[in-house]
C-alpha atoms as a PDB file:
ATOM      1  CA  MET A   1      70.216 -18.172 -76.006  1.00  0.00           C
ATOM      2  CA  GLU A   2      68.003 -15.198 -75.512  1.00  0.00           C
ATOM      3  CA  SER A   3      66.546 -14.269 -72.231  1.00  0.00           C
ATOM      4  CA  LYS A   4      63.035 -12.844 -71.870  1.00  0.00           C
ATOM      5  CA  ASP A   5      64.428  -9.372 -71.372  1.00  0.00           C
ATOM      6  CA  ASP A   6      66.517  -9.568 -74.637  1.00  0.00           C
ATOM      7  CA  ARG A   7      63.530 -10.105 -76.755  1.00  0.00           C
ATOM      8  CA  ARG A   8      61.802  -7.269 -78.355  1.00  0.00           C
ATOM      9  CA  SER A   9      58.054  -7.357 -77.475  1.00  0.00           C
ATOM     10  CA  PRO A  10      55.644  -5.037 -78.933  1.00  0.00           C
ATOM     11  CA  ALA A  11      55.176  -3.420 -75.353  1.00  0.00           C
ATOM     12  CA  ARG A  12      58.803  -2.434 -75.207  1.00  0.00           C
ATOM     13  CA  ALA A  13      59.090  -1.044 -78.790  1.00  0.00           C
ATOM     14  CA  PRO A  14      57.656   2.445 -77.798  1.00  0.00           C
ATOM     15  CA  GLU A  15      60.169   2.666 -74.854  1.00  0.00           C
ATOM     16  CA  ALA A  16      63.099   1.824 -77.191  1.00  0.00           C
ATOM     17  CA  ARG A  17      61.912   4.352 -79.728  1.00  0.00           C
ATOM     18  CA  ARG A  18      61.467   7.018 -76.906  1.00  0.00           C
ATOM     19  CA  ARG A  19      64.982   6.453 -75.737  1.00  0.00           C
ATOM     20  CA  SER A  20      66.287   6.640 -79.280  1.00  0.00           C
ATOM     21  CA  LEU A  21      64.544   9.885 -79.774  1.00  0.00           C
ATOM     22  CA  LEU A  22      65.786  11.309 -76.619  1.00  0.00           C
ATOM     23  CA  GLY A  23      69.435  10.599 -77.633  1.00  0.00           C
ATOM     24  CA  ASP A  24      68.953  11.990 -81.177  1.00  0.00           C
ATOM     25  CA  ARG A  25      70.542  15.516 -81.429  1.00  0.00           C
ATOM     26  CA  ARG A  26      70.044  15.966 -85.073  1.00  0.00           C
ATOM     27  CA  GLY A  27      67.959  19.200 -86.058  1.00  0.00           C
ATOM     28  CA  ALA A  28      68.555  20.732 -82.569  1.00  0.00           C
ATOM     29  CA  ILE A  29      70.425  23.768 -84.097  1.00  0.00           C
ATOM     30  CA  PRO A  30      68.004  24.465 -86.836  1.00  0.00           C
ATOM     31  CA  THR A  31      65.129  24.347 -84.336  1.00  0.00           C
ATOM     32  CA  GLU A  32      67.036  26.868 -82.077  1.00  0.00           C
ATOM     33  CA  TYR A  33      67.374  29.184 -85.113  1.00  0.00           C
ATOM     34  CA  VAL A  34      63.662  28.901 -85.949  1.00  0.00           C
ATOM     35  CA  VAL A  35      62.666  29.802 -82.412  1.00  0.00           C
ATOM     36  CA  LEU A  36      65.168  32.814 -82.445  1.00  0.00           C
ATOM     37  CA  VAL A  37      64.037  34.096 -85.806  1.00  0.00           C
ATOM     38  CA  GLY A  38      60.273  33.682 -84.621  1.00  0.00           C
ATOM     39  CA  THR A  39      60.889  35.652 -81.487  1.00  0.00           C
ATOM     40  CA  MET A  40      62.707  38.422 -83.247  1.00  0.00           C
ATOM     41  CA  GLY A  41      59.761  38.539 -85.887  1.00  0.00           C
ATOM     42  CA  LEU A  42      57.260  38.852 -83.050  1.00  0.00           C
ATOM     43  CA  ALA A  43      59.292  41.511 -81.662  1.00  0.00           C
ATOM     44  CA  VAL A  44      59.354  43.589 -84.848  1.00  0.00           C
ATOM     45  CA  VAL A  45      55.660  43.007 -85.349  1.00  0.00           C
ATOM     46  CA  PHE A  46      55.028  44.345 -81.874  1.00  0.00           C
ATOM     47  CA  ALA A  47      57.151  47.290 -82.513  1.00  0.00           C
ATOM     48  CA  LEU A  48      55.643  48.252 -85.690  1.00  0.00           C
ATOM     49  CA  VAL A  49      52.047  47.806 -84.328  1.00  0.00           C
ATOM     50  CA  THR A  50      53.168  50.148 -81.354  1.00  0.00           C
ATOM     51  CA  VAL A  51      55.281  52.615 -83.245  1.00  0.00           C
ATOM     52  CA  GLY A  52      53.642  52.344 -86.868  1.00  0.00           C
ATOM     53  CA  PRO A  53      50.893  54.813 -86.710  1.00  0.00           C
ATOM     54  CA  ARG A  54      53.078  57.653 -85.383  1.00  0.00           C
ATOM     55  CA  LEU A  55      55.647  56.680 -88.251  1.00  0.00           C
ATOM     56  CA  VAL A  56      52.999  56.908 -90.878  1.00  0.00           C
ATOM     57  CA  LYS A  57      51.726  60.193 -89.446  1.00  0.00           C
ATOM     58  CA  ASP A  58      55.178  61.901 -89.444  1.00  0.00           C
ATOM     59  CA  PHE A  59      55.913  60.493 -92.896  1.00  0.00           C
ATOM     60  CA  GLN A  60      52.801  62.001 -94.400  1.00  0.00           C
ATOM     61  CA  ARG A  61      53.423  65.341 -92.665  1.00  0.00           C
ATOM     62  CA  ALA A  62      56.840  65.384 -94.028  1.00  0.00           C
ATOM     63  CA  ARG A  63      55.715  64.458 -97.545  1.00  0.00           C
ATOM     64  CA  ASN A  64      53.052  67.140 -97.443  1.00  0.00           C
ATOM     65  CA  ILE A  65      55.500  69.647 -96.247  1.00  0.00           C
ATOM     66  CA  THR A  66      58.001  68.648 -99.047  1.00  0.00           C
ATOM     67  CA  ALA A  67      55.418  68.572-101.850  1.00  0.00           C
ATOM     68  CA  ALA A  68      53.623  71.717-100.955  1.00  0.00           C
ATOM     69  CA  PRO A  69      53.961  74.551-103.426  1.00  0.00           C
ATOM     70  CA  ILE A  70      56.201  77.453-102.333  1.00  0.00           C
ATOM     71  CA  PRO A  71      54.080  80.392-101.559  1.00  0.00           C
END
């Protein structure tokens, strides 16, 4: 015979679902990789924004020197 506590009431369903999800570890590793790759991507973007214009200027100067006709 079931007691009142053993029956599944609609009010207890979200709590059981929450406990189920908290114990579920599937997908944790891919999520960590996504966070890691995203962080690395942000670092690369920040570095390119910071250093990029200087690199473009140096590249254009080197290209102009290389492509200049010999006097």
